[in-house]
């Protein structure tokens, strides 16, 4: 999948920062059960794809995340467990934010709309049923 590169240096810099932050949150999601890995990895791949060929190539060839991102970008989808984890954790955090994070009705409505949109997007995506497991094994050699 070829993405149009950002031409402005400031835009490219901001995309690299955003991609790095998303990658960091995605890696944290491996260890924290309520933080979804999938959306953050896909966001980082998008940001790096628009800003830096070198970093994007590194990410999609990464031994832990590379195949996962390549399958999504090729239209093969994401594994079922990733869909379930992303949707459940997103709704838990959105509901908690709506209850304890704000008293403004408009913010609660926006949170509901975002959650609904992301849920519909994830459910409409193909489900990858390949042979490779996408659980990350930090003890894996090679």
N, C-alpha and C. Protein backbone atom coordinates (compact mmCIF):
# COMPACT_ATOMS: atom_id res chain seq x y z
N UNK A 1 0.84 -1.17 0.00
CA UNK A 1 0.00 0.00 0.00
C UNK A 1 0.89 1.23 0.00
N UNK A 2 0.77 2.04 -1.03
CA UNK A 2 1.55 3.24 -1.13
C UNK A 2 0.76 4.40 -0.57
N UNK A 3 1.42 5.16 0.29
CA UNK A 3 0.76 6.31 0.89
C UNK A 3 1.44 7.57 0.37
N UNK A 4 0.67 8.62 0.25
CA UNK A 4 1.21 9.90 -0.17
C UNK A 4 2.02 10.49 0.98
N UNK A 5 3.24 10.84 0.67
CA UNK A 5 4.13 11.39 1.70
C UNK A 5 3.81 12.86 1.97
N UNK A 6 3.91 13.23 3.22
CA UNK A 6 3.75 14.63 3.59
C UNK A 6 4.97 15.39 3.10
N UNK A 7 4.77 16.54 2.47
CA UNK A 7 5.89 17.30 1.90
C UNK A 7 6.45 18.31 2.88
N UNK A 8 5.64 18.84 3.73
CA UNK A 8 6.05 19.84 4.69
C UNK A 8 6.88 19.18 5.79
N UNK A 9 8.04 19.75 6.09
CA UNK A 9 8.93 19.17 7.11
C UNK A 9 8.29 19.13 8.48
N UNK A 10 7.54 20.16 8.82
CA UNK A 10 6.88 20.20 10.13
C UNK A 10 5.83 19.10 10.21
N UNK A 11 5.06 18.93 9.14
CA UNK A 11 4.05 17.86 9.11
C UNK A 11 4.71 16.50 9.25
N UNK A 12 5.80 16.30 8.52
CA UNK A 12 6.52 15.02 8.62
C UNK A 12 7.02 14.80 10.04
N UNK A 13 7.58 15.82 10.65
CA UNK A 13 8.07 15.73 12.02
C UNK A 13 6.94 15.37 12.99
N UNK A 14 5.79 16.05 12.84
CA UNK A 14 4.65 15.76 13.71
C UNK A 14 4.13 14.34 13.49
N UNK A 15 4.14 13.87 12.25
CA UNK A 15 3.73 12.49 11.98
C UNK A 15 4.69 11.48 12.61
N UNK A 16 5.97 11.78 12.58
CA UNK A 16 6.95 10.89 13.23
C UNK A 16 6.74 10.88 14.74
N UNK A 17 6.50 12.04 15.33
CA UNK A 17 6.22 12.11 16.77
C UNK A 17 4.94 11.33 17.09
N UNK A 18 3.89 11.56 16.31
CA UNK A 18 2.63 10.85 16.53
C UNK A 18 2.78 9.35 16.35
N UNK A 19 3.52 8.95 15.31
CA UNK A 19 3.76 7.52 15.08
C UNK A 19 4.56 6.89 16.22
N UNK A 20 5.52 7.63 16.72
CA UNK A 20 6.33 7.12 17.84
C UNK A 20 5.49 6.97 19.10
N UNK A 21 4.66 7.96 19.36
CA UNK A 21 3.77 7.89 20.53
C UNK A 21 2.80 6.72 20.39
N UNK A 22 2.22 6.56 19.19
CA UNK A 22 1.29 5.45 18.95
C UNK A 22 2.00 4.10 19.10
N UNK A 23 3.23 4.01 18.61
CA UNK A 23 4.00 2.77 18.75
C UNK A 23 4.28 2.48 20.22
N UNK A 24 4.65 3.50 20.97
CA UNK A 24 4.90 3.34 22.40
C UNK A 24 3.64 2.83 23.11
N UNK A 25 2.49 3.43 22.81
CA UNK A 25 1.24 2.99 23.43
C UNK A 25 0.88 1.57 22.99
N UNK A 26 1.16 1.25 21.73
CA UNK A 26 0.91 -0.11 21.24
C UNK A 26 1.75 -1.14 21.97
N UNK A 27 3.00 -0.81 22.21
CA UNK A 27 3.89 -1.72 22.95
C UNK A 27 3.41 -1.84 24.40
N UNK A 28 2.99 -0.73 25.00
CA UNK A 28 2.44 -0.80 26.35
C UNK A 28 1.21 -1.70 26.39
N UNK A 29 0.42 -1.67 25.31
CA UNK A 29 -0.78 -2.49 25.23
C UNK A 29 -0.50 -3.98 25.28
N UNK A 30 0.72 -4.37 24.94
CA UNK A 30 1.10 -5.78 25.06
C UNK A 30 1.09 -6.19 26.53
N UNK A 31 1.45 -5.27 27.40
CA UNK A 31 1.60 -5.58 28.82
C UNK A 31 0.41 -5.15 29.67
N UNK A 32 -0.34 -4.16 29.21
CA UNK A 32 -1.49 -3.65 29.96
C UNK A 32 -2.78 -4.11 29.31
N UNK A 33 -3.56 -4.92 29.98
CA UNK A 33 -4.72 -5.55 29.36
C UNK A 33 -5.79 -4.59 28.85
N UNK A 34 -5.95 -3.41 29.44
CA UNK A 34 -6.99 -2.49 28.98
C UNK A 34 -6.53 -1.56 27.87
N UNK A 35 -5.27 -1.59 27.53
CA UNK A 35 -4.75 -0.72 26.47
C UNK A 35 -4.60 -1.54 25.20
N UNK A 36 -5.40 -1.23 24.17
CA UNK A 36 -5.36 -2.05 22.96
C UNK A 36 -4.09 -1.83 22.13
N UNK A 37 -3.51 -2.88 21.65
CA UNK A 37 -2.30 -2.81 20.84
C UNK A 37 -2.62 -2.48 19.39
N UNK A 38 -3.61 -3.14 18.84
CA UNK A 38 -3.90 -3.06 17.40
C UNK A 38 -4.09 -1.65 16.87
N UNK A 39 -5.01 -0.85 17.43
CA UNK A 39 -5.21 0.48 16.84
C UNK A 39 -3.96 1.35 16.88
N UNK A 40 -3.19 1.22 17.94
CA UNK A 40 -1.98 2.03 18.06
C UNK A 40 -0.91 1.59 17.06
N UNK A 41 -0.77 0.30 16.83
CA UNK A 41 0.19 -0.17 15.83
C UNK A 41 -0.21 0.28 14.44
N UNK A 42 -1.49 0.19 14.13
CA UNK A 42 -1.95 0.61 12.82
C UNK A 42 -1.80 2.12 12.63
N UNK A 43 -2.06 2.88 13.68
CA UNK A 43 -1.86 4.32 13.62
C UNK A 43 -0.39 4.65 13.41
N UNK A 44 0.50 3.96 14.11
CA UNK A 44 1.93 4.23 13.94
C UNK A 44 2.37 3.88 12.52
N UNK A 45 1.87 2.78 11.96
CA UNK A 45 2.23 2.40 10.59
C UNK A 45 1.75 3.48 9.61
N UNK A 46 0.55 4.00 9.84
CA UNK A 46 0.04 5.06 8.97
C UNK A 46 0.92 6.32 9.07
N UNK A 47 1.21 6.74 10.28
CA UNK A 47 2.02 7.95 10.47
C UNK A 47 3.41 7.79 9.86
N UNK A 48 4.04 6.65 10.09
CA UNK A 48 5.37 6.43 9.54
C UNK A 48 5.32 6.28 8.02
N UNK A 49 4.25 5.69 7.51
CA UNK A 49 4.09 5.54 6.07
C UNK A 49 3.96 6.88 5.36
N UNK A 50 3.44 7.88 6.06
CA UNK A 50 3.29 9.22 5.49
C UNK A 50 4.49 10.11 5.73
N UNK A 51 5.41 9.67 6.60
CA UNK A 51 6.48 10.58 6.98
C UNK A 51 7.89 10.04 6.73
N UNK A 52 8.13 8.76 6.90
CA UNK A 52 9.50 8.23 6.83
C UNK A 52 9.51 6.81 6.28
N UNK A 53 10.07 6.65 5.08
CA UNK A 53 10.19 5.31 4.51
C UNK A 53 11.05 4.41 5.39
N UNK A 54 12.12 4.97 5.93
CA UNK A 54 13.04 4.18 6.74
C UNK A 54 12.36 3.62 7.99
N UNK A 55 11.64 4.46 8.71
CA UNK A 55 10.98 4.00 9.94
C UNK A 55 9.82 3.06 9.60
N UNK A 56 9.08 3.37 8.54
CA UNK A 56 7.96 2.51 8.14
C UNK A 56 8.47 1.13 7.75
N UNK A 57 9.57 1.08 7.00
CA UNK A 57 10.15 -0.21 6.60
C UNK A 57 10.61 -0.98 7.83
N UNK A 58 11.22 -0.29 8.79
CA UNK A 58 11.64 -0.95 10.02
C UNK A 58 10.42 -1.54 10.74
N UNK A 59 9.34 -0.78 10.82
CA UNK A 59 8.16 -1.24 11.55
C UNK A 59 7.52 -2.45 10.88
N UNK A 60 7.33 -2.40 9.57
CA UNK A 60 6.65 -3.52 8.91
C UNK A 60 7.55 -4.75 8.77
N UNK A 61 8.84 -4.59 9.00
CA UNK A 61 9.74 -5.74 9.00
C UNK A 61 10.12 -6.18 10.41
N UNK A 62 9.52 -5.55 11.41
CA UNK A 62 9.78 -5.89 12.80
C UNK A 62 9.30 -7.31 13.08
N UNK A 63 10.10 -8.09 13.81
CA UNK A 63 9.74 -9.50 14.03
C UNK A 63 8.51 -9.69 14.90
N UNK A 64 8.15 -8.71 15.72
CA UNK A 64 6.97 -8.86 16.57
C UNK A 64 5.70 -8.29 15.94
N UNK A 65 5.82 -7.16 15.26
CA UNK A 65 4.64 -6.47 14.76
C UNK A 65 4.49 -6.49 13.24
N UNK A 66 5.54 -6.80 12.53
CA UNK A 66 5.56 -6.65 11.08
C UNK A 66 4.48 -7.41 10.33
N UNK A 67 4.37 -8.71 10.54
CA UNK A 67 3.38 -9.51 9.82
C UNK A 67 1.96 -9.04 10.13
N UNK A 68 1.76 -8.68 11.36
CA UNK A 68 0.46 -8.19 11.82
C UNK A 68 0.03 -6.98 11.01
N UNK A 69 0.94 -6.02 10.87
CA UNK A 69 0.64 -4.78 10.14
C UNK A 69 0.53 -5.07 8.64
N UNK A 70 1.42 -5.90 8.11
CA UNK A 70 1.37 -6.24 6.68
C UNK A 70 0.03 -6.89 6.32
N UNK A 71 -0.45 -7.79 7.15
CA UNK A 71 -1.74 -8.44 6.88
C UNK A 71 -2.88 -7.43 6.86
N UNK A 72 -2.85 -6.48 7.75
CA UNK A 72 -3.89 -5.45 7.76
C UNK A 72 -3.79 -4.60 6.50
N UNK A 73 -2.58 -4.14 6.18
CA UNK A 73 -2.40 -3.27 5.03
C UNK A 73 -2.72 -3.99 3.71
N UNK A 74 -2.55 -5.31 3.68
CA UNK A 74 -2.85 -6.08 2.48
C UNK A 74 -4.34 -6.41 2.39
N UNK A 75 -5.13 -5.99 3.38
CA UNK A 75 -6.56 -6.23 3.36
C UNK A 75 -6.96 -7.60 3.89
N UNK A 76 -6.01 -8.31 4.51
CA UNK A 76 -6.32 -9.63 5.07
C UNK A 76 -7.04 -9.53 6.41
N UNK A 77 -6.95 -8.39 7.06
CA UNK A 77 -7.66 -8.19 8.31
C UNK A 77 -6.80 -8.37 9.54
N UNK A 78 -7.49 -8.48 10.67
CA UNK A 78 -6.81 -8.67 11.95
C UNK A 78 -7.42 -9.88 12.65
N UNK A 79 -6.65 -10.51 13.54
CA UNK A 79 -7.15 -11.70 14.24
C UNK A 79 -8.35 -11.38 15.15
N UNK A 80 -9.18 -12.39 15.37
CA UNK A 80 -10.38 -12.24 16.19
C UNK A 80 -10.06 -11.73 17.59
N UNK A 81 -9.04 -12.31 18.22
CA UNK A 81 -8.72 -11.89 19.60
C UNK A 81 -8.33 -10.42 19.64
N UNK A 82 -7.75 -9.90 18.58
CA UNK A 82 -7.38 -8.49 18.55
C UNK A 82 -8.62 -7.61 18.42
N UNK A 83 -9.57 -8.06 17.61
CA UNK A 83 -10.83 -7.31 17.48
C UNK A 83 -11.55 -7.25 18.82
N UNK A 84 -11.68 -8.40 19.46
CA UNK A 84 -12.40 -8.47 20.73
C UNK A 84 -11.71 -7.61 21.79
N UNK A 85 -10.40 -7.73 21.90
CA UNK A 85 -9.65 -6.96 22.89
C UNK A 85 -9.77 -5.46 22.62
N UNK A 86 -9.64 -5.07 21.37
CA UNK A 86 -9.71 -3.65 21.04
C UNK A 86 -11.10 -3.08 21.36
N UNK A 87 -12.14 -3.80 20.97
CA UNK A 87 -13.50 -3.30 21.20
C UNK A 87 -13.83 -3.25 22.69
N UNK A 88 -13.53 -4.32 23.41
CA UNK A 88 -13.84 -4.34 24.85
C UNK A 88 -13.08 -3.27 25.62
N UNK A 89 -11.77 -3.19 25.38
CA UNK A 89 -10.98 -2.20 26.13
C UNK A 89 -11.38 -0.78 25.76
N UNK A 90 -11.68 -0.56 24.48
CA UNK A 90 -12.11 0.78 24.07
C UNK A 90 -13.40 1.18 24.79
N UNK A 91 -14.38 0.27 24.82
CA UNK A 91 -15.65 0.61 25.46
C UNK A 91 -15.51 0.78 26.97
N UNK A 92 -14.67 -0.02 27.59
CA UNK A 92 -14.43 0.15 29.04
C UNK A 92 -13.87 1.54 29.32
N UNK A 93 -12.86 1.93 28.53
CA UNK A 93 -12.25 3.25 28.73
C UNK A 93 -13.20 4.39 28.36
N UNK A 94 -13.96 4.22 27.28
CA UNK A 94 -14.91 5.27 26.89
C UNK A 94 -16.01 5.46 27.93
N UNK A 95 -16.53 4.36 28.43
CA UNK A 95 -17.59 4.46 29.45
C UNK A 95 -17.04 5.07 30.74
N UNK A 96 -15.84 4.64 31.14
CA UNK A 96 -15.23 5.23 32.33
C UNK A 96 -14.99 6.73 32.13
N UNK A 97 -14.53 7.10 30.94
CA UNK A 97 -14.31 8.53 30.66
C UNK A 97 -15.62 9.31 30.69
N UNK A 98 -16.67 8.73 30.13
CA UNK A 98 -17.96 9.41 30.11
C UNK A 98 -18.54 9.57 31.51
N UNK A 99 -18.32 8.58 32.36
CA UNK A 99 -18.89 8.62 33.72
C UNK A 99 -18.07 9.52 34.64
N UNK A 100 -16.76 9.31 34.66
CA UNK A 100 -15.91 10.01 35.62
C UNK A 100 -15.06 11.12 35.03
N UNK A 101 -14.96 11.17 33.71
CA UNK A 101 -14.05 12.14 33.09
C UNK A 101 -14.68 13.45 32.68
N UNK A 102 -16.01 13.47 32.54
CA UNK A 102 -16.65 14.70 32.10
C UNK A 102 -18.10 14.73 32.55
N UNK A 103 -18.58 15.94 32.71
CA UNK A 103 -20.00 16.13 33.00
C UNK A 103 -20.71 16.74 31.80
N UNK A 104 -19.96 17.09 30.76
CA UNK A 104 -20.53 17.73 29.58
C UNK A 104 -21.22 16.70 28.69
N UNK A 105 -22.48 16.94 28.42
CA UNK A 105 -23.26 16.02 27.59
C UNK A 105 -22.66 15.90 26.19
N UNK A 106 -22.20 17.00 25.62
CA UNK A 106 -21.66 16.96 24.26
C UNK A 106 -20.42 16.06 24.19
N UNK A 107 -19.58 16.09 25.22
CA UNK A 107 -18.39 15.24 25.24
C UNK A 107 -18.81 13.77 25.33
N UNK A 108 -19.80 13.49 26.15
CA UNK A 108 -20.30 12.12 26.26
C UNK A 108 -20.87 11.63 24.93
N UNK A 109 -21.56 12.50 24.22
CA UNK A 109 -22.11 12.14 22.91
C UNK A 109 -20.98 11.88 21.92
N UNK A 110 -19.97 12.73 21.93
CA UNK A 110 -18.82 12.54 21.03
C UNK A 110 -18.13 11.21 21.34
N UNK A 111 -17.94 10.89 22.61
CA UNK A 111 -17.33 9.61 22.99
C UNK A 111 -18.17 8.44 22.48
N UNK A 112 -19.47 8.52 22.61
CA UNK A 112 -20.36 7.48 22.11
C UNK A 112 -20.24 7.33 20.60
N UNK A 113 -20.21 8.46 19.88
CA UNK A 113 -20.10 8.41 18.43
C UNK A 113 -18.76 7.83 17.98
N UNK A 114 -17.68 8.22 18.65
CA UNK A 114 -16.36 7.69 18.31
C UNK A 114 -16.33 6.19 18.56
N UNK A 115 -16.80 5.77 19.72
CA UNK A 115 -16.83 4.34 20.04
C UNK A 115 -17.66 3.54 19.05
N UNK A 116 -18.80 4.08 18.67
CA UNK A 116 -19.66 3.40 17.71
C UNK A 116 -18.97 3.29 16.35
N UNK A 117 -18.36 4.38 15.91
CA UNK A 117 -17.67 4.38 14.62
C UNK A 117 -16.52 3.39 14.58
N UNK A 118 -15.69 3.39 15.62
CA UNK A 118 -14.55 2.47 15.67
C UNK A 118 -15.04 1.03 15.76
N UNK A 119 -16.08 0.77 16.53
CA UNK A 119 -16.63 -0.58 16.63
C UNK A 119 -17.13 -1.06 15.28
N UNK A 120 -17.87 -0.22 14.58
CA UNK A 120 -18.37 -0.60 13.26
C UNK A 120 -17.20 -0.87 12.31
N UNK A 121 -16.21 -0.01 12.34
CA UNK A 121 -15.03 -0.21 11.48
C UNK A 121 -14.35 -1.54 11.77
N UNK A 122 -14.13 -1.84 13.04
CA UNK A 122 -13.45 -3.09 13.40
C UNK A 122 -14.29 -4.31 13.03
N UNK A 123 -15.59 -4.24 13.24
CA UNK A 123 -16.44 -5.38 12.92
C UNK A 123 -16.55 -5.62 11.41
N UNK A 124 -16.44 -4.56 10.63
CA UNK A 124 -16.53 -4.70 9.17
C UNK A 124 -15.22 -5.15 8.55
N UNK A 125 -14.13 -5.03 9.28
CA UNK A 125 -12.83 -5.46 8.75
C UNK A 125 -12.79 -6.97 8.63
N UNK A 126 -12.06 -7.47 7.63
CA UNK A 126 -11.92 -8.92 7.54
C UNK A 126 -11.20 -9.47 8.77
N UNK A 127 -11.52 -10.70 9.10
CA UNK A 127 -10.85 -11.38 10.21
C UNK A 127 -9.79 -12.29 9.64
N UNK A 128 -8.56 -12.10 10.09
CA UNK A 128 -7.45 -12.90 9.59
C UNK A 128 -7.46 -14.25 10.29
N UNK A 129 -7.46 -15.30 9.49
CA UNK A 129 -7.47 -16.65 10.05
C UNK A 129 -6.27 -17.44 9.55
N UNK A 130 -5.12 -16.81 9.58
CA UNK A 130 -3.90 -17.46 9.12
C UNK A 130 -3.39 -18.46 10.14
N UNK A 131 -2.31 -19.10 9.80
CA UNK A 131 -1.75 -20.11 10.68
C UNK A 131 -0.86 -19.50 11.75
N UNK A 132 -0.34 -18.31 11.50
CA UNK A 132 0.57 -17.70 12.47
C UNK A 132 -0.22 -17.09 13.62
N UNK A 133 0.22 -17.34 14.82
CA UNK A 133 -0.38 -16.73 16.00
C UNK A 133 0.24 -15.36 16.18
N UNK A 134 -0.58 -14.41 16.64
CA UNK A 134 -0.10 -13.05 16.78
C UNK A 134 0.10 -12.65 18.23
N UNK A 135 0.13 -13.62 19.11
CA UNK A 135 0.52 -13.30 20.47
C UNK A 135 2.01 -13.02 20.44
N UNK A 136 2.42 -12.02 21.12
CA UNK A 136 3.82 -11.62 21.07
C UNK A 136 4.60 -12.42 22.10
N UNK A 137 5.62 -13.11 21.62
CA UNK A 137 6.47 -13.90 22.49
C UNK A 137 7.78 -13.15 22.66
N UNK A 138 7.93 -12.52 23.81
CA UNK A 138 9.13 -11.73 24.06
C UNK A 138 10.37 -12.60 24.28
N UNK A 139 10.17 -13.90 24.49
CA UNK A 139 11.31 -14.80 24.70
C UNK A 139 11.76 -15.46 23.39
N UNK A 140 11.05 -15.14 22.29
CA UNK A 140 11.36 -15.76 21.01
C UNK A 140 12.76 -15.35 20.55
N UNK A 141 13.51 -16.30 20.06
CA UNK A 141 14.85 -16.05 19.56
C UNK A 141 14.77 -15.79 18.06
N UNK A 142 15.68 -14.94 17.57
CA UNK A 142 15.79 -14.75 16.11
C UNK A 142 14.99 -13.64 15.69
